């Protein structure tokens, strides 16, 4: 069992399989020329599986594969197949554009829930945000996942000047489709030019929804990051991930493993320990994992005030989101 100094038990591991992505979303990666990590610095397939096995032996019950974009990793089928033999819940976060090529792999591995990142329902806005003309393929793949019986969560980053016009359109989608729509407050990472005035809070978004729809609050579980709602009679739900306006650090059970094998005990934490280096040297990886968890801060990586209006992005030391993993 992995327990930190605040009594939080960590049993949910997010593994980044690559820092590469076939989209270029500005809120995820810097607009400047990206430098990808060389293959020698990334975890090999066998190293991913070995580190995952160590975490599972320490009590991890759920593993989410992320990136970059995890579906661009060539060894994804083998990684999923091997992980599926362990007593863990497997899931995935993706931009959705390659789902149709991997749907059978996901089904064979027992993946039942997939998160798809989609920040707009407008094709032209999609092209501007992602710098790729792939909206139709992403939407077709969301429908494919639903038709194949997957639980689909759609994640939209609540960008000021964009989400206000589309939030009710996203909620309208849940009328006929059993999609779980989640709006994520804009968070600060290296190179994404975050400012507090760019944050659209859950409260502000909820007000916009209430102007058009009757809503009911759904029950939130202990480790949920999203505050869930539903329009009565609709097939799906919607929720808000309130990282900035109302953090959920008290119930955090998450650990992150970056594509280059560093453990991050918090999405916003600057401290990292090199598990991959230790594994390659034959050193005690479990000891490093326990050390990392023991050092976890009470909230927000110890880097900024819970009042997001006081946050200074220039003082936050972290990677860009694509280098951390979703």
C-alpha atoms as a PDB file:
ATOM      1  CA  UNK A   1       0.000   0.000   0.000  1.00  0.00           C
ATOM      2  CA  UNK A   2       1.236   3.476  -0.898  1.00  0.00           C
ATOM      3  CA  UNK A   3       0.174   6.013   1.720  1.00  0.00           C
ATOM      4  CA  UNK A   4       1.410   9.581   2.012  1.00  0.00           C
ATOM      5  CA  UNK A   5       1.948  11.661   5.156  1.00  0.00           C
ATOM      6  CA  UNK A   6      -1.630  12.989   4.930  1.00  0.00           C
ATOM      7  CA  UNK A   7      -3.167   9.509   4.996  1.00  0.00           C
ATOM      8  CA  UNK A   8      -4.038   9.381   1.288  1.00  0.00           C
ATOM      9  CA  UNK A   9      -3.737   5.929  -0.285  1.00  0.00           C
ATOM     10  CA  UNK A  10      -2.465   5.918  -3.865  1.00  0.00           C
ATOM     11  CA  UNK A  11      -3.821   3.117  -6.041  1.00  0.00           C
ATOM     12  CA  UNK A  12      -4.309   4.831  -9.428  1.00  0.00           C
ATOM     13  CA  UNK A  13      -1.339   5.038 -11.816  1.00  0.00           C
ATOM     14  CA  UNK A  14      -1.241   7.079 -15.005  1.00  0.00           C
ATOM     15  CA  UNK A  15       1.506   5.930 -17.403  1.00  0.00           C
ATOM     16  CA  UNK A  16       2.603   8.180 -20.247  1.00  0.00           C
ATOM     17  CA  UNK A  17       3.700   5.979 -23.159  1.00  0.00           C
ATOM     18  CA  UNK A  18       5.210   8.768 -25.252  1.00  0.00           C
ATOM     19  CA  UNK A  19       5.747  12.515 -25.350  1.00  0.00           C
ATOM     20  CA  UNK A  20       4.784  12.523 -29.047  1.00  0.00           C
ATOM     21  CA  UNK A  21       1.365  13.631 -30.282  1.00  0.00           C
ATOM     22  CA  UNK A  22      -0.252  13.944 -33.704  1.00  0.00           C
ATOM     23  CA  UNK A  23      -2.085  17.120 -32.597  1.00  0.00           C
ATOM     24  CA  UNK A  24      -0.573  20.466 -31.592  1.00  0.00           C
ATOM     25  CA  UNK A  25      -3.004  21.862 -29.019  1.00  0.00           C
ATOM     26  CA  UNK A  26      -1.656  25.151 -27.702  1.00  0.00           C
ATOM     27  CA  UNK A  27      -2.857  24.679 -24.109  1.00  0.00           C
ATOM     28  CA  UNK A  28      -0.997  21.360 -23.887  1.00  0.00           C
ATOM     29  CA  UNK A  29       2.333  22.141 -25.490  1.00  0.00           C
ATOM     30  CA  UNK A  30       4.350  25.302 -26.046  1.00  0.00           C
ATOM     31  CA  UNK A  31       3.860  26.992 -29.397  1.00  0.00           C
ATOM     32  CA  UNK A  32       7.618  27.132 -29.810  1.00  0.00           C
ATOM     33  CA  UNK A  33       9.369  24.318 -31.684  1.00  0.00           C
ATOM     34  CA  UNK A  34       9.064  21.147 -29.616  1.00  0.00           C
ATOM     35  CA  UNK A  35      12.056  18.972 -28.877  1.00  0.00           C
ATOM     36  CA  UNK A  36      11.051  15.338 -28.488  1.00  0.00           C
ATOM     37  CA  UNK A  37      12.951  13.076 -26.145  1.00  0.00           C
ATOM     38  CA  UNK A  38      15.289  10.591 -27.870  1.00  0.00           C
ATOM     39  CA  UNK A  39      14.201   6.947 -27.823  1.00  0.00           C
ATOM     40  CA  UNK A  40      17.031   6.025 -25.472  1.00  0.00           C
ATOM     41  CA  UNK A  41      15.535   8.221 -22.731  1.00  0.00           C
ATOM     42  CA  UNK A  42      12.049   6.749 -23.037  1.00  0.00           C
ATOM     43  CA  UNK A  43      10.810   3.618 -21.316  1.00  0.00           C
ATOM     44  CA  UNK A  44      10.950   0.566 -23.542  1.00  0.00           C
ATOM     45  CA  UNK A  45       7.942  -1.735 -23.700  1.00  0.00           C
ATOM     46  CA  UNK A  46       9.544  -4.142 -21.227  1.00  0.00           C
ATOM     47  CA  UNK A  47      10.465  -1.286 -18.882  1.00  0.00           C
ATOM     48  CA  UNK A  48       6.897   0.049 -18.943  1.00  0.00           C
ATOM     49  CA  UNK A  49       5.614  -3.396 -18.022  1.00  0.00           C
ATOM     50  CA  UNK A  50       8.222  -3.990 -15.325  1.00  0.00           C
ATOM     51  CA  UNK A  51       7.536  -0.665 -13.613  1.00  0.00           C
ATOM     52  CA  UNK A  52       3.786  -1.231 -13.894  1.00  0.00           C
ATOM     53  CA  UNK A  53       4.215  -4.626 -12.235  1.00  0.00           C
ATOM     54  CA  UNK A  54       6.095  -3.044  -9.320  1.00  0.00           C
ATOM     55  CA  UNK A  55       3.312  -0.498  -8.830  1.00  0.00           C
ATOM     56  CA  UNK A  56       0.650  -3.219  -8.986  1.00  0.00           C
ATOM     57  CA  UNK A  57       2.489  -5.195  -6.323  1.00  0.00           C
ATOM     58  CA  UNK A  58       2.380  -2.027  -4.189  1.00  0.00           C
ATOM     59  CA  UNK A  59      -1.397  -1.839  -4.397  1.00  0.00           C
ATOM     60  CA  UNK A  60      -2.219  -0.045  -7.650  1.00  0.00           C
ATOM     61  CA  UNK A  61      -5.680  -1.119  -8.841  1.00  0.00           C
ATOM     62  CA  UNK A  62      -6.200   1.132 -11.851  1.00  0.00           C
ATOM     63  CA  UNK A  63      -3.885   2.089 -14.714  1.00  0.00           C
ATOM     64  CA  UNK A  64      -4.586   4.768 -17.302  1.00  0.00           C
ATOM     65  CA  UNK A  65      -2.394   4.945 -20.405  1.00  0.00           C
ATOM     66  CA  UNK A  66      -1.740   8.482 -21.624  1.00  0.00           C
ATOM     67  CA  UNK A  67       0.712  10.427 -23.761  1.00  0.00           C
ATOM     68  CA  UNK A  68       1.370  12.643 -25.666  1.00  0.00           C
ATOM     69  CA  UNK A  69      -1.000  10.492 -27.646  1.00  0.00           C
ATOM     70  CA  UNK A  70      -0.756   6.855 -26.463  1.00  0.00           C
ATOM     71  CA  UNK A  71      -2.171   5.414 -29.688  1.00  0.00           C
ATOM     72  CA  UNK A  72       0.905   6.539 -31.646  1.00  0.00           C
ATOM     73  CA  UNK A  73       3.053   4.144 -29.573  1.00  0.00           C
ATOM     74  CA  UNK A  74       3.783   1.150 -31.840  1.00  0.00           C
ATOM     75  CA  UNK A  75       3.950  -1.324 -28.960  1.00  0.00           C
ATOM     76  CA  UNK A  76       0.563  -0.284 -27.554  1.00  0.00           C
ATOM     77  CA  UNK A  77      -1.133  -3.606 -28.439  1.00  0.00           C
ATOM     78  CA  UNK A  78       1.551  -5.647 -26.651  1.00  0.00           C
ATOM     79  CA  UNK A  79       1.544  -3.335 -23.645  1.00  0.00           C
ATOM     80  CA  UNK A  80      -2.246  -3.554 -23.330  1.00  0.00           C
ATOM     81  CA  UNK A  81      -2.251  -7.309 -23.816  1.00  0.00           C
ATOM     82  CA  UNK A  82       0.301  -7.829 -21.059  1.00  0.00           C
ATOM     83  CA  UNK A  83      -1.299  -5.382 -18.624  1.00  0.00           C
ATOM     84  CA  UNK A  84      -4.661  -7.062 -19.156  1.00  0.00           C
ATOM     85  CA  UNK A  85      -3.330 -10.191 -17.414  1.00  0.00           C
ATOM     86  CA  UNK A  86      -3.012  -8.264 -14.132  1.00  0.00           C
ATOM     87  CA  UNK A  87      -5.854  -7.599 -11.657  1.00  0.00           C
ATOM     88  CA  UNK A  88      -6.153  -3.911 -12.584  1.00  0.00           C
ATOM     89  CA  UNK A  89      -8.722  -1.738 -14.309  1.00  0.00           C
ATOM     90  CA  UNK A  90      -7.288  -0.548 -17.613  1.00  0.00           C
ATOM     91  CA  UNK A  91      -8.319   2.682 -19.276  1.00  0.00           C
ATOM     92  CA  UNK A  92      -7.005   5.212 -21.770  1.00  0.00           C
ATOM     93  CA  UNK A  93      -6.946   8.934 -22.543  1.00  0.00           C
ATOM     94  CA  UNK A  94      -6.669   9.815 -26.226  1.00  0.00           C
ATOM     95  CA  UNK A  95      -7.385  12.547 -28.755  1.00  0.00           C
ATOM     96  CA  UNK A  96      -9.497   9.916 -30.502  1.00  0.00           C
ATOM     97  CA  UNK A  97      -8.219  10.244 -34.036  1.00  0.00           C
ATOM     98  CA  UNK A  98      -6.738   6.703 -34.212  1.00  0.00           C
ATOM     99  CA  UNK A  99      -9.396   4.832 -32.228  1.00  0.00           C
ATOM    100  CA  UNK A 100     -10.815   3.067 -35.298  1.00  0.00           C
ATOM    101  CA  UNK A 101      -7.433   1.417 -35.887  1.00  0.00           C
ATOM    102  CA  UNK A 102      -7.213   0.091 -32.321  1.00  0.00           C
ATOM    103  CA  UNK A 103     -10.802  -0.683 -31.324  1.00  0.00           C
ATOM    104  CA  UNK A 104     -10.290  -4.455 -31.454  1.00  0.00           C
ATOM    105  CA  UNK A 105      -7.104  -4.188 -29.386  1.00  0.00           C
ATOM    106  CA  UNK A 106      -8.926  -2.229 -26.710  1.00  0.00           C
ATOM    107  CA  UNK A 107     -11.755  -4.763 -26.586  1.00  0.00           C
ATOM    108  CA  UNK A 108      -9.398  -7.734 -26.324  1.00  0.00           C
ATOM    109  CA  UNK A 109      -7.514  -6.069 -23.470  1.00  0.00           C
ATOM    110  CA  UNK A 110     -10.720  -5.541 -21.516  1.00  0.00           C
ATOM    111  CA  UNK A 111     -10.668  -1.747 -21.705  1.00  0.00           C
ATOM    112  CA  UNK A 112     -14.215  -0.590 -20.995  1.00  0.00           C
ATOM    113  CA  UNK A 113     -13.812   3.163 -20.512  1.00  0.00           C
ATOM    114  CA  UNK A 114     -12.045   5.686 -22.768  1.00  0.00           C
ATOM    115  CA  UNK A 115     -11.512   9.415 -22.277  1.00  0.00           C
ATOM    116  CA  UNK A 116     -11.474  11.443 -25.487  1.00  0.00           C
ATOM    117  CA  UNK A 117     -10.170  15.010 -25.546  1.00  0.00           C
ATOM    118  CA  UNK A 118     -12.403  17.291 -27.617  1.00  0.00           C
ATOM    119  CA  UNK A 119     -12.533  21.020 -26.904  1.00  0.00           C
ATOM    120  CA  UNK A 120     -15.017  22.161 -29.516  1.00  0.00           C
ATOM    121  CA  UNK A 121     -17.869  20.838 -31.646  1.00  0.00           C
ATOM    122  CA  UNK A 122     -17.052  23.305 -34.391  1.00  0.00           C
ATOM    123  CA  UNK A 123     -14.773  22.002 -37.145  1.00  0.00           C
ATOM    124  CA  UNK A 124     -13.129  25.346 -37.894  1.00  0.00           C
ATOM    125  CA  UNK A 125     -12.409  25.985 -34.222  1.00  0.00           C
ATOM    126  CA  UNK A 126     -11.080  22.439 -33.947  1.00  0.00           C
ATOM    127  CA  UNK A 127      -8.558  23.110 -36.707  1.00  0.00           C
ATOM    128  CA  UNK A 128      -7.454  26.327 -34.999  1.00  0.00           C
ATOM    129  CA  UNK A 129      -7.040  24.631 -31.603  1.00  0.00           C
ATOM    130  CA  UNK A 130      -5.336  21.434 -32.705  1.00  0.00           C
ATOM    131  CA  UNK A 131      -3.703  22.685 -35.894  1.00  0.00           C
ATOM    132  CA  UNK A 132      -5.111  19.532 -37.532  1.00  0.00           C
ATOM    133  CA  UNK A 133      -8.188  18.972 -39.746  1.00  0.00           C
ATOM    134  CA  UNK A 134      -9.405  15.822 -37.990  1.00  0.00           C
ATOM    135  CA  UNK A 135     -12.697  16.759 -36.317  1.00  0.00           C
ATOM    136  CA  UNK A 136     -14.846  14.422 -38.407  1.00  0.00           C
ATOM    137  CA  UNK A 137     -12.610  11.433 -37.685  1.00  0.00           C
ATOM    138  CA  UNK A 138     -12.590  12.135 -33.937  1.00  0.00           C
ATOM    139  CA  UNK A 139     -16.384  12.443 -33.818  1.00  0.00           C
ATOM    140  CA  UNK A 140     -16.855   9.264 -35.856  1.00  0.00           C
ATOM    141  CA  UNK A 141     -14.591   7.456 -33.428  1.00  0.00           C
ATOM    142  CA  UNK A 142     -16.549   8.699 -30.415  1.00  0.00           C
ATOM    143  CA  UNK A 143     -19.675   7.232 -32.015  1.00  0.00           C
ATOM    144  CA  UNK A 144     -17.750   4.026 -32.767  1.00  0.00           C
ATOM    145  CA  UNK A 145     -16.746   3.660 -29.111  1.00  0.00           C
ATOM    146  CA  UNK A 146     -20.350   4.121 -28.035  1.00  0.00           C
ATOM    147  CA  UNK A 147     -21.596   1.578 -30.574  1.00  0.00           C
ATOM    148  CA  UNK A 148     -19.070  -0.936 -29.261  1.00  0.00           C
ATOM    149  CA  UNK A 149     -20.297  -0.523 -25.691  1.00  0.00           C
ATOM    150  CA  UNK A 150     -17.489   1.604 -24.253  1.00  0.00           C
ATOM    151  CA  UNK A 151     -18.121   4.141 -21.511  1.00  0.00           C
ATOM    152  CA  UNK A 152     -17.021   7.401 -23.148  1.00  0.00           C
ATOM    153  CA  UNK A 153     -15.929  10.512 -21.286  1.00  0.00           C
ATOM    154  CA  UNK A 154     -15.307  13.581 -23.425  1.00  0.00           C
ATOM    155  CA  UNK A 155     -12.871  16.076 -21.910  1.00  0.00           C
ATOM    156  CA  UNK A 156     -13.001  19.727 -22.929  1.00  0.00           C
ATOM    157  CA  UNK A 157     -10.563  22.287 -21.547  1.00  0.00           C
ATOM    158  CA  UNK A 158     -12.626  25.329 -20.575  1.00  0.00           C
ATOM    159  CA  UNK A 159     -10.830  28.036 -22.509  1.00  0.00           C
ATOM    160  CA  UNK A 160     -12.068  31.587 -21.973  1.00  0.00           C
ATOM    161  CA  UNK A 161     -13.617  32.967 -25.131  1.00  0.00           C
ATOM    162  CA  UNK A 162     -14.448  29.499 -26.442  1.00  0.00           C
ATOM    163  CA  UNK A 163     -16.290  27.362 -23.922  1.00  0.00           C
ATOM    164  CA  UNK A 164     -18.877  30.028 -23.059  1.00  0.00           C
ATOM    165  CA  UNK A 165     -20.399  29.746 -26.543  1.00  0.00           C
ATOM    166  CA  UNK A 166     -20.303  25.969 -26.662  1.00  0.00           C
ATOM    167  CA  UNK A 167     -20.989  24.645 -23.181  1.00  0.00           C
ATOM    168  CA  UNK A 168     -24.718  24.251 -23.805  1.00  0.00           C
ATOM    169  CA  UNK A 169     -23.988  22.623 -27.174  1.00  0.00           C
ATOM    170  CA  UNK A 170     -21.870  20.024 -25.381  1.00  0.00           C
ATOM    171  CA  UNK A 171     -24.600  19.438 -22.805  1.00  0.00           C
ATOM    172  CA  UNK A 172     -27.143  19.079 -25.635  1.00  0.00           C
ATOM    173  CA  UNK A 173     -25.082  16.181 -27.011  1.00  0.00           C
ATOM    174  CA  UNK A 174     -25.805  14.230 -23.821  1.00  0.00           C
ATOM    175  CA  UNK A 175     -29.543  14.280 -24.577  1.00  0.00           C
ATOM    176  CA  UNK A 176     -29.420  11.405 -27.069  1.00  0.00           C
ATOM    177  CA  UNK A 177     -25.939  10.006 -26.514  1.00  0.00           C
ATOM    178  CA  UNK A 178     -24.730   8.382 -23.241  1.00  0.00           C
ATOM    179  CA  UNK A 179     -21.618  10.550 -23.244  1.00  0.00           C
ATOM    180  CA  UNK A 180     -20.136  11.786 -19.975  1.00  0.00           C
ATOM    181  CA  UNK A 181     -19.094  15.329 -20.794  1.00  0.00           C
ATOM    182  CA  UNK A 182     -16.411  16.870 -18.564  1.00  0.00           C
ATOM    183  CA  UNK A 183     -15.278  20.491 -18.571  1.00  0.00           C
ATOM    184  CA  UNK A 184     -11.756  21.041 -17.228  1.00  0.00           C
ATOM    185  CA  UNK A 185     -10.722  24.380 -15.765  1.00  0.00           C
ATOM    186  CA  UNK A 186      -7.652  25.737 -17.567  1.00  0.00           C
ATOM    187  CA  UNK A 187      -4.496  24.858 -15.602  1.00  0.00           C
ATOM    188  CA  UNK A 188      -0.976  26.350 -15.653  1.00  0.00           C
ATOM    189  CA  UNK A 189       1.896  24.390 -17.216  1.00  0.00           C
ATOM    190  CA  UNK A 190       5.206  25.335 -18.775  1.00  0.00           C
ATOM    191  CA  UNK A 191       4.745  27.192 -22.027  1.00  0.00           C
ATOM    192  CA  UNK A 192       0.936  27.331 -22.155  1.00  0.00           C
ATOM    193  CA  UNK A 193       0.706  31.063 -21.338  1.00  0.00           C
ATOM    194  CA  UNK A 194      -1.750  30.553 -18.472  1.00  0.00           C
ATOM    195  CA  UNK A 195      -3.310  33.594 -16.830  1.00  0.00           C
ATOM    196  CA  UNK A 196      -5.997  33.627 -14.169  1.00  0.00           C
ATOM    197  CA  UNK A 197      -8.275  35.684 -16.396  1.00  0.00           C
ATOM    198  CA  UNK A 198      -8.266  32.813 -18.919  1.00  0.00           C
ATOM    199  CA  UNK A 199      -9.899  30.489 -16.364  1.00  0.00           C
ATOM    200  CA  UNK A 200     -13.617  29.856 -16.715  1.00  0.00           C
ATOM    201  CA  UNK A 201     -14.721  28.379 -13.395  1.00  0.00           C
ATOM    202  CA  UNK A 202     -17.182  25.566 -12.834  1.00  0.00           C
ATOM    203  CA  UNK A 203     -19.531  27.997 -11.130  1.00  0.00           C
ATOM    204  CA  UNK A 204     -19.530  30.279 -14.150  1.00  0.00           C
ATOM    205  CA  UNK A 205     -20.130  27.365 -16.524  1.00  0.00           C
ATOM    206  CA  UNK A 206     -22.894  25.916 -14.365  1.00  0.00           C
ATOM    207  CA  UNK A 207     -24.699  29.250 -14.453  1.00  0.00           C
ATOM    208  CA  UNK A 208     -24.634  29.165 -18.253  1.00  0.00           C
ATOM    209  CA  UNK A 209     -26.100  25.658 -18.297  1.00  0.00           C
ATOM    210  CA  UNK A 210     -28.797  26.545 -15.755  1.00  0.00           C
ATOM    211  CA  UNK A 211     -29.970  29.393 -17.980  1.00  0.00           C
ATOM    212  CA  UNK A 212     -31.062  26.800 -20.543  1.00  0.00           C
ATOM    213  CA  UNK A 213     -31.625  23.501 -18.751  1.00  0.00           C
ATOM    214  CA  UNK A 214     -33.018  22.149 -15.499  1.00  0.00           C
ATOM    215  CA  UNK A 215     -30.247  20.189 -13.797  1.00  0.00           C
ATOM    216  CA  UNK A 216     -29.790  17.715 -10.972  1.00  0.00           C
ATOM    217  CA  UNK A 217     -26.640  17.076  -8.933  1.00  0.00           C
ATOM    218  CA  UNK A 218     -25.298  13.534  -8.997  1.00  0.00           C
ATOM    219  CA  UNK A 219     -23.339  11.814  -6.240  1.00  0.00           C
ATOM    220  CA  UNK A 220     -19.571  12.280  -6.299  1.00  0.00           C
ATOM    221  CA  UNK A 221     -17.358   9.507  -4.970  1.00  0.00           C
ATOM    222  CA  UNK A 222     -14.351   9.968  -2.675  1.00  0.00           C
ATOM    223  CA  UNK A 223     -11.668  10.008  -5.369  1.00  0.00           C
ATOM    224  CA  UNK A 224     -13.665  11.719  -8.111  1.00  0.00           C
ATOM    225  CA  UNK A 225     -12.034  14.726  -9.705  1.00  0.00           C
ATOM    226  CA  UNK A 226     -15.266  15.761 -11.415  1.00  0.00           C
ATOM    227  CA  UNK A 227     -18.410  17.226  -9.888  1.00  0.00           C
ATOM    228  CA  UNK A 228     -21.218  15.493 -11.779  1.00  0.00           C
ATOM    229  CA  UNK A 229     -24.600  16.742 -12.997  1.00  0.00           C
ATOM    230  CA  UNK A 230     -27.369  15.605 -15.289  1.00  0.00           C
ATOM    231  CA  UNK A 231     -30.253  17.126 -17.206  1.00  0.00           C
ATOM    232  CA  UNK A 232     -33.275  15.015 -16.199  1.00  0.00           C
ATOM    233  CA  UNK A 233     -34.236  12.626 -18.986  1.00  0.00           C
ATOM    234  CA  UNK A 234     -30.934  12.977 -20.865  1.00  0.00           C
ATOM    235  CA  UNK A 235     -28.959   9.832 -21.721  1.00  0.00           C
ATOM    236  CA  UNK A 236     -25.588  11.205 -20.621  1.00  0.00           C
ATOM    237  CA  UNK A 237     -24.162  13.429 -17.910  1.00  0.00           C
ATOM    238  CA  UNK A 238     -21.886  16.449 -17.580  1.00  0.00           C
ATOM    239  CA  UNK A 239     -19.319  17.399 -14.976  1.00  0.00           C
ATOM    240  CA  UNK A 240     -16.719  19.980 -14.016  1.00  0.00           C
ATOM    241  CA  UNK A 241     -13.113  19.301 -13.049  1.00  0.00           C
ATOM    242  CA  UNK A 242     -12.515  22.148 -10.614  1.00  0.00           C
ATOM    243  CA  UNK A 243      -8.747  22.061 -10.230  1.00  0.00           C
ATOM    244  CA  UNK A 244      -8.385  25.825 -10.067  1.00  0.00           C
ATOM    245  CA  UNK A 245     -11.525  27.044  -8.277  1.00  0.00           C
ATOM    246  CA  UNK A 246     -12.007  24.165  -5.821  1.00  0.00           C
ATOM    247  CA  UNK A 247      -9.174  21.648  -5.736  1.00  0.00           C
ATOM    248  CA  UNK A 248      -9.811  18.020  -4.814  1.00  0.00           C
ATOM    249  CA  UNK A 249      -6.345  17.284  -3.431  1.00  0.00           C
ATOM    250  CA  UNK A 250      -7.700  15.915  -0.139  1.00  0.00           C
ATOM    251  CA  UNK A 251      -8.995  12.818  -1.908  1.00  0.00           C
ATOM    252  CA  UNK A 252      -6.157  12.381  -4.399  1.00  0.00           C
ATOM    253  CA  UNK A 253      -5.096   8.787  -5.096  1.00  0.00           C
ATOM    254  CA  UNK A 254      -3.115   9.418  -8.292  1.00  0.00           C
ATOM    255  CA  UNK A 255       0.484   8.783  -9.265  1.00  0.00           C
ATOM    256  CA  UNK A 256       2.061   9.687 -12.596  1.00  0.00           C
ATOM    257  CA  UNK A 257       4.850   7.961 -14.496  1.00  0.00           C
ATOM    258  CA  UNK A 258       6.264  10.073 -17.316  1.00  0.00           C
ATOM    259  CA  UNK A 259       7.381   8.633 -20.640  1.00  0.00           C
ATOM    260  CA  UNK A 260      11.008   8.934 -19.522  1.00  0.00           C
ATOM    261  CA  UNK A 261      10.312   6.986 -16.351  1.00  0.00           C
ATOM    262  CA  UNK A 262      10.076   9.748 -13.742  1.00  0.00           C
ATOM    263  CA  UNK A 263       7.540   9.456 -10.946  1.00  0.00           C
ATOM    264  CA  UNK A 264       5.445  12.554 -10.231  1.00  0.00           C
ATOM    265  CA  UNK A 265       3.384  12.385  -7.073  1.00  0.00           C
ATOM    266  CA  UNK A 266       1.316  15.383  -8.212  1.00  0.00           C
ATOM    267  CA  UNK A 267       0.381  16.868 -11.567  1.00  0.00           C
ATOM    268  CA  UNK A 268       1.698  20.231 -10.360  1.00  0.00           C
ATOM    269  CA  UNK A 269       4.719  18.941  -8.448  1.00  0.00           C
ATOM    270  CA  UNK A 270       8.213  19.966  -9.456  1.00  0.00           C
ATOM    271  CA  UNK A 271       9.879  17.075  -7.617  1.00  0.00           C
ATOM    272  CA  UNK A 272      10.553  13.958  -9.684  1.00  0.00           C
ATOM    273  CA  UNK A 273      12.445  10.752  -8.957  1.00  0.00           C
ATOM    274  CA  UNK A 274      14.065   8.703 -11.710  1.00  0.00           C
ATOM    275  CA  UNK A 275      12.538   5.227 -11.602  1.00  0.00           C
ATOM    276  CA  UNK A 276      13.773   4.293 -15.063  1.00  0.00           C
ATOM    277  CA  UNK A 277      17.372   5.137 -14.203  1.00  0.00           C
ATOM    278  CA  UNK A 278      17.108   3.082 -11.030  1.00  0.00           C
ATOM    279  CA  UNK A 279      15.578   0.148 -12.903  1.00  0.00           C
ATOM    280  CA  UNK A 280      18.360   0.160 -15.490  1.00  0.00           C
ATOM    281  CA  UNK A 281      20.983   0.197 -12.730  1.00  0.00           C
ATOM    282  CA  UNK A 282      19.321  -2.619 -10.817  1.00  0.00           C
ATOM    283  CA  UNK A 283      18.558  -0.340  -7.852  1.00  0.00           C
ATOM    284  CA  UNK A 284      15.588  -0.490  -5.477  1.00  0.00           C
ATOM    285  CA  UNK A 285      12.696   1.042  -7.421  1.00  0.00           C
ATOM    286  CA  UNK A 286      10.121   0.321  -4.718  1.00  0.00           C
ATOM    287  CA  UNK A 287      12.101   2.396  -2.233  1.00  0.00           C
ATOM    288  CA  UNK A 288      12.050   5.381  -4.607  1.00  0.00           C
ATOM    289  CA  UNK A 289       8.308   5.036  -5.178  1.00  0.00           C
ATOM    290  CA  UNK A 290       7.619   5.040  -1.436  1.00  0.00           C
ATOM    291  CA  UNK A 291       9.954   8.007  -0.983  1.00  0.00           C
ATOM    292  CA  UNK A 292       8.118   9.982  -3.661  1.00  0.00           C
ATOM    293  CA  UNK A 293       4.709   9.309  -2.133  1.00  0.00           C
ATOM    294  CA  UNK A 294       5.978  10.230   1.333  1.00  0.00           C
ATOM    295  CA  UNK A 295       7.096  13.626   0.002  1.00  0.00           C
ATOM    296  CA  UNK A 296       3.747  14.537  -1.563  1.00  0.00           C
ATOM    297  CA  UNK A 297       2.504  18.008  -0.648  1.00  0.00           C
ATOM    298  CA  UNK A 298      -0.906  18.606   0.856  1.00  0.00           C
ATOM    299  CA  UNK A 299      -2.207  20.426  -2.215  1.00  0.00           C
ATOM    300  CA  UNK A 300      -1.278  21.596  -5.718  1.00  0.00           C
ATOM    301  CA  UNK A 301       2.281  20.309  -5.538  1.00  0.00           C
ATOM    302  CA  UNK A 302       3.066  22.955  -2.927  1.00  0.00           C
ATOM    303  CA  UNK A 303       3.590  25.360  -5.815  1.00  0.00           C
ATOM    304  CA  UNK A 304       0.725  27.834  -5.668  1.00  0.00           C
ATOM    305  CA  UNK A 305      -2.055  29.186  -3.514  1.00  0.00           C
ATOM    306  CA  UNK A 306      -5.433  27.365  -3.567  1.00  0.00           C
ATOM    307  CA  UNK A 307      -6.863  30.748  -4.573  1.00  0.00           C
ATOM    308  CA  UNK A 308      -6.029  30.549  -8.276  1.00  0.00           C
ATOM    309  CA  UNK A 309      -6.334  34.330  -8.606  1.00  0.00           C
ATOM    310  CA  UNK A 310      -3.120  34.580  -6.571  1.00  0.00           C
ATOM    311  CA  UNK A 311      -1.216  32.039  -8.701  1.00  0.00           C
ATOM    312  CA  UNK A 312       1.869  33.356 -10.489  1.00  0.00           C
ATOM    313  CA  UNK A 313       2.648  31.097 -13.472  1.00  0.00           C
ATOM    314  CA  UNK A 314       6.181  32.490 -13.718  1.00  0.00           C
ATOM    315  CA  UNK A 315       7.002  31.001 -10.319  1.00  0.00           C
ATOM    316  CA  UNK A 316       5.657  27.516 -11.068  1.00  0.00           C
ATOM    317  CA  UNK A 317       8.351  24.981 -11.943  1.00  0.00           C
ATOM    318  CA  UNK A 318       6.976  22.110 -14.012  1.00  0.00           C
ATOM    319  CA  UNK A 319       6.984  20.438 -17.391  1.00  0.00           C
ATOM    320  CA  UNK A 320       4.595  21.213 -20.229  1.00  0.00           C
ATOM    321  CA  UNK A 321       1.479  19.044 -20.101  1.00  0.00           C
ATOM    322  CA  UNK A 322       2.583  16.897 -23.025  1.00  0.00           C
ATOM    323  CA  UNK A 323       5.840  16.104 -21.204  1.00  0.00           C
ATOM    324  CA  UNK A 324       3.922  15.049 -18.078  1.00  0.00           C
ATOM    325  CA  UNK A 325       1.187  12.930 -19.608  1.00  0.00           C
ATOM    326  CA  UNK A 326      -2.563  13.505 -19.436  1.00  0.00           C
END
